[in-house]
C-alpha atoms as a PDB file:
ATOM      1  CA  UNK A   1       2.022  36.944 -12.547  1.00  0.00           C
ATOM      2  CA  UNK A   2       4.213  33.559 -13.034  1.00  0.00           C
ATOM      3  CA  UNK A   3       7.875  33.434 -11.927  1.00  0.00           C
ATOM      4  CA  UNK A   4      10.254  30.890 -13.847  1.00  0.00           C
ATOM      5  CA  UNK A   5      12.254  29.248 -11.949  1.00  0.00           C
ATOM      6  CA  UNK A   6      15.950  28.105 -14.517  1.00  0.00           C
ATOM      7  CA  UNK A   7      18.478  25.774 -13.887  1.00  0.00           C
ATOM      8  CA  UNK A   8      21.155  25.974 -16.177  1.00  0.00           C
ATOM      9  CA  UNK A   9      25.200  25.510 -16.441  1.00  0.00           C
ATOM     10  CA  UNK A  10      27.623  27.709 -14.086  1.00  0.00           C
ATOM     11  CA  UNK A  11      29.075  28.608 -17.040  1.00  0.00           C
ATOM     12  CA  UNK A  12      25.748  30.184 -18.708  1.00  0.00           C
ATOM     13  CA  UNK A  13      24.924  31.908 -15.665  1.00  0.00           C
ATOM     14  CA  UNK A  14      25.947  35.083 -16.431  1.00  0.00           C
ATOM     15  CA  UNK A  15      25.135  35.225 -20.131  1.00  0.00           C
ATOM     16  CA  UNK A  16      21.853  33.966 -19.337  1.00  0.00           C
ATOM     17  CA  UNK A  17      21.862  36.659 -16.380  1.00  0.00           C
ATOM     18  CA  UNK A  18      23.462  39.710 -18.579  1.00  0.00           C
ATOM     19  CA  UNK A  19      20.822  38.455 -21.858  1.00  0.00           C
ATOM     20  CA  UNK A  20      17.506  38.563 -19.021  1.00  0.00           C
ATOM     21  CA  UNK A  21      18.826  42.183 -18.004  1.00  0.00           C
ATOM     22  CA  UNK A  22      19.922  43.701 -21.396  1.00  0.00           C
ATOM     23  CA  UNK A  23      15.487  42.971 -22.329  1.00  0.00           C
ATOM     24  CA  UNK A  24      14.890  44.997 -19.034  1.00  0.00           C
ATOM     25  CA  UNK A  25      13.921  41.291 -16.894  1.00  0.00           C
ATOM     26  CA  UNK A  26      15.095  41.257 -13.550  1.00  0.00           C
ATOM     27  CA  UNK A  27      16.401  38.042 -12.125  1.00  0.00           C
ATOM     28  CA  UNK A  28      17.709  37.072  -8.588  1.00  0.00           C
ATOM     29  CA  UNK A  29      20.421  34.794  -9.343  1.00  0.00           C
ATOM     30  CA  UNK A  30      21.533  31.431  -6.480  1.00  0.00           C
ATOM     31  CA  UNK A  31      24.290  29.106  -6.620  1.00  0.00           C
ATOM     32  CA  UNK A  32      23.150  25.466  -6.234  1.00  0.00           C
ATOM     33  CA  UNK A  33      24.682  21.993  -7.487  1.00  0.00           C
ATOM     34  CA  UNK A  34      23.266  18.636  -8.531  1.00  0.00           C
ATOM     35  CA  UNK A  35      22.695  16.239 -11.832  1.00  0.00           C
ATOM     36  CA  UNK A  36      24.880  13.788 -13.217  1.00  0.00           C
ATOM     37  CA  UNK A  37      28.274  15.419 -13.152  1.00  0.00           C
ATOM     38  CA  UNK A  38      27.664  17.197  -9.706  1.00  0.00           C
ATOM     39  CA  UNK A  39      29.037  20.281 -11.248  1.00  0.00           C
ATOM     40  CA  UNK A  40      27.721  23.594 -10.250  1.00  0.00           C
ATOM     41  CA  UNK A  41      24.800  25.157 -11.416  1.00  0.00           C
ATOM     42  CA  UNK A  42      22.993  28.616 -11.356  1.00  0.00           C
ATOM     43  CA  UNK A  43      18.968  28.249 -10.615  1.00  0.00           C
ATOM     44  CA  UNK A  44      17.518  31.589 -11.552  1.00  0.00           C
ATOM     45  CA  UNK A  45      14.330  33.300 -10.768  1.00  0.00           C
ATOM     46  CA  UNK A  46      12.527  35.759 -12.676  1.00  0.00           C
ATOM     47  CA  UNK A  47       9.236  37.289 -11.870  1.00  0.00           C
ATOM     48  CA  UNK A  48       7.406  37.885 -14.902  1.00  0.00           C
ATOM     49  CA  UNK A  49       3.307  39.306 -16.483  1.00  0.00           C
ATOM     50  CA  UNK A  50       1.295  36.041 -17.909  1.00  0.00           C
ATOM     51  CA  UNK A  51       2.159  37.540 -21.492  1.00  0.00           C
ATOM     52  CA  UNK A  52       6.247  37.088 -21.290  1.00  0.00           C
ATOM     53  CA  UNK A  53       6.683  33.796 -19.466  1.00  0.00           C
ATOM     54  CA  UNK A  54       7.196  32.835 -23.867  1.00  0.00           C
ATOM     55  CA  UNK A  55       9.958  35.872 -24.284  1.00  0.00           C
ATOM     56  CA  UNK A  56      11.988  34.905 -21.267  1.00  0.00           C
ATOM     57  CA  UNK A  57      11.971  31.306 -21.985  1.00  0.00           C
ATOM     58  CA  UNK A  58      13.215  31.910 -25.946  1.00  0.00           C
ATOM     59  CA  UNK A  59      16.037  34.071 -24.225  1.00  0.00           C
ATOM     60  CA  UNK A  60      17.185  31.196 -22.015  1.00  0.00           C
ATOM     61  CA  UNK A  61      16.795  28.701 -24.895  1.00  0.00           C
ATOM     62  CA  UNK A  62      19.213  31.482 -27.291  1.00  0.00           C
ATOM     63  CA  UNK A  63      21.452  32.006 -24.492  1.00  0.00           C
ATOM     64  CA  UNK A  64      22.499  28.566 -22.948  1.00  0.00           C
ATOM     65  CA  UNK A  65      21.528  26.265 -25.672  1.00  0.00           C
ATOM     66  CA  UNK A  66      23.283  22.531 -25.302  1.00  0.00           C
ATOM     67  CA  UNK A  67      26.595  21.604 -26.992  1.00  0.00           C
ATOM     68  CA  UNK A  68      28.715  18.493 -26.384  1.00  0.00           C
ATOM     69  CA  UNK A  69      31.824  17.457 -24.900  1.00  0.00           C
ATOM     70  CA  UNK A  70      34.310  14.890 -25.253  1.00  0.00           C
ATOM     71  CA  UNK A  71      35.596  13.545 -21.772  1.00  0.00           C
ATOM     72  CA  UNK A  72      38.076  10.804 -20.880  1.00  0.00           C
ATOM     73  CA  UNK A  73      37.608   8.181 -18.100  1.00  0.00           C
ATOM     74  CA  UNK A  74      40.216   6.488 -16.608  1.00  0.00           C
ATOM     75  CA  UNK A  75      39.100   2.853 -15.796  1.00  0.00           C
ATOM     76  CA  UNK A  76      39.411   2.008 -11.935  1.00  0.00           C
ATOM     77  CA  UNK A  77      42.670  -0.015 -11.717  1.00  0.00           C
ATOM     78  CA  UNK A  78      42.633  -3.965 -11.938  1.00  0.00           C
ATOM     79  CA  UNK A  79      45.709  -6.708 -12.555  1.00  0.00           C
ATOM     80  CA  UNK A  80      44.475  -6.384 -16.038  1.00  0.00           C
ATOM     81  CA  UNK A  81      44.015  -2.278 -16.927  1.00  0.00           C
ATOM     82  CA  UNK A  82      48.037  -2.158 -14.876  1.00  0.00           C
ATOM     83  CA  UNK A  83      50.060  -4.684 -17.141  1.00  0.00           C
ATOM     84  CA  UNK A  84      48.084  -3.323 -20.159  1.00  0.00           C
ATOM     85  CA  UNK A  85      48.377   0.637 -18.711  1.00  0.00           C
ATOM     86  CA  UNK A  86      45.198   2.543 -18.555  1.00  0.00           C
ATOM     87  CA  UNK A  87      43.323   3.044 -21.048  1.00  0.00           C
ATOM     88  CA  UNK A  88      41.518   6.648 -21.165  1.00  0.00           C
ATOM     89  CA  UNK A  89      38.107   5.669 -22.293  1.00  0.00           C
ATOM     90  CA  UNK A  90      36.571   8.872 -24.098  1.00  0.00           C
ATOM     91  CA  UNK A  91      32.610   9.835 -22.903  1.00  0.00           C
ATOM     92  CA  UNK A  92      30.575  11.865 -24.957  1.00  0.00           C
ATOM     93  CA  UNK A  93      28.670  14.108 -22.301  1.00  0.00           C
ATOM     94  CA  UNK A  94      26.193  17.079 -23.094  1.00  0.00           C
ATOM     95  CA  UNK A  95      26.156  20.276 -21.625  1.00  0.00           C
ATOM     96  CA  UNK A  96      24.373  23.264 -21.485  1.00  0.00           C
ATOM     97  CA  UNK A  97      20.415  23.432 -21.970  1.00  0.00           C
ATOM     98  CA  UNK A  98      18.114  24.563 -18.989  1.00  0.00           C
ATOM     99  CA  UNK A  99      15.869  23.057 -17.237  1.00  0.00           C
ATOM    100  CA  UNK A 100      12.610  25.310 -16.705  1.00  0.00           C
ATOM    101  CA  UNK A 101       9.727  25.383 -14.339  1.00  0.00           C
ATOM    102  CA  UNK A 102       6.770  27.962 -14.194  1.00  0.00           C
ATOM    103  CA  UNK A 103       4.698  28.576 -12.158  1.00  0.00           C
ATOM    104  CA  UNK A 104       2.012  31.118 -10.724  1.00  0.00           C
ATOM    105  CA  UNK A 105       2.342  33.763  -8.134  1.00  0.00           C
ATOM    106  CA  UNK A 106      -0.134  34.512  -5.937  1.00  0.00           C
ATOM    107  CA  UNK A 107       1.278  38.044  -3.866  1.00  0.00           C
ATOM    108  CA  UNK A 108       3.819  40.315  -5.562  1.00  0.00           C
ATOM    109  CA  UNK A 109       4.500  42.969  -3.574  1.00  0.00           C
ATOM    110  CA  UNK A 110       8.349  45.222  -3.826  1.00  0.00           C
ATOM    111  CA  UNK A 111       9.355  47.225  -0.468  1.00  0.00           C
END
C-alpha cells in the first residue's frame, strides 16, 4: 500500500478531490500555505494500492495542469519612479501543476 501526498493550488483542490472521488478514491484534504507566491495550497493525502499509484497521479495531472498568468508588479517608489509616474511591469507566473510524493505505508487500519 502507498500514500500519495499531492500539493496543488487551492484553486485546483476541489476539482482534483472531485475527480478522485468520482473514481472511488478516498481523499483527505488539508489547507496549507507556501511557495513563491505565498498563496494557499491544498495538500491531498490519498491512500491506495501499489498498482493504482500511476492511475491516481494521471488523474491529478489531468485535473490540475500548469498554466500561466500575467501579473503586474508595482516598483518600489523612489525619486525616479515618482517623477515619471509608476510603471506597472508585467510578469508571467506559472500556476497550477502539482508536487507529488509517494511513500510506502507500513501499517493501515480503518477503525
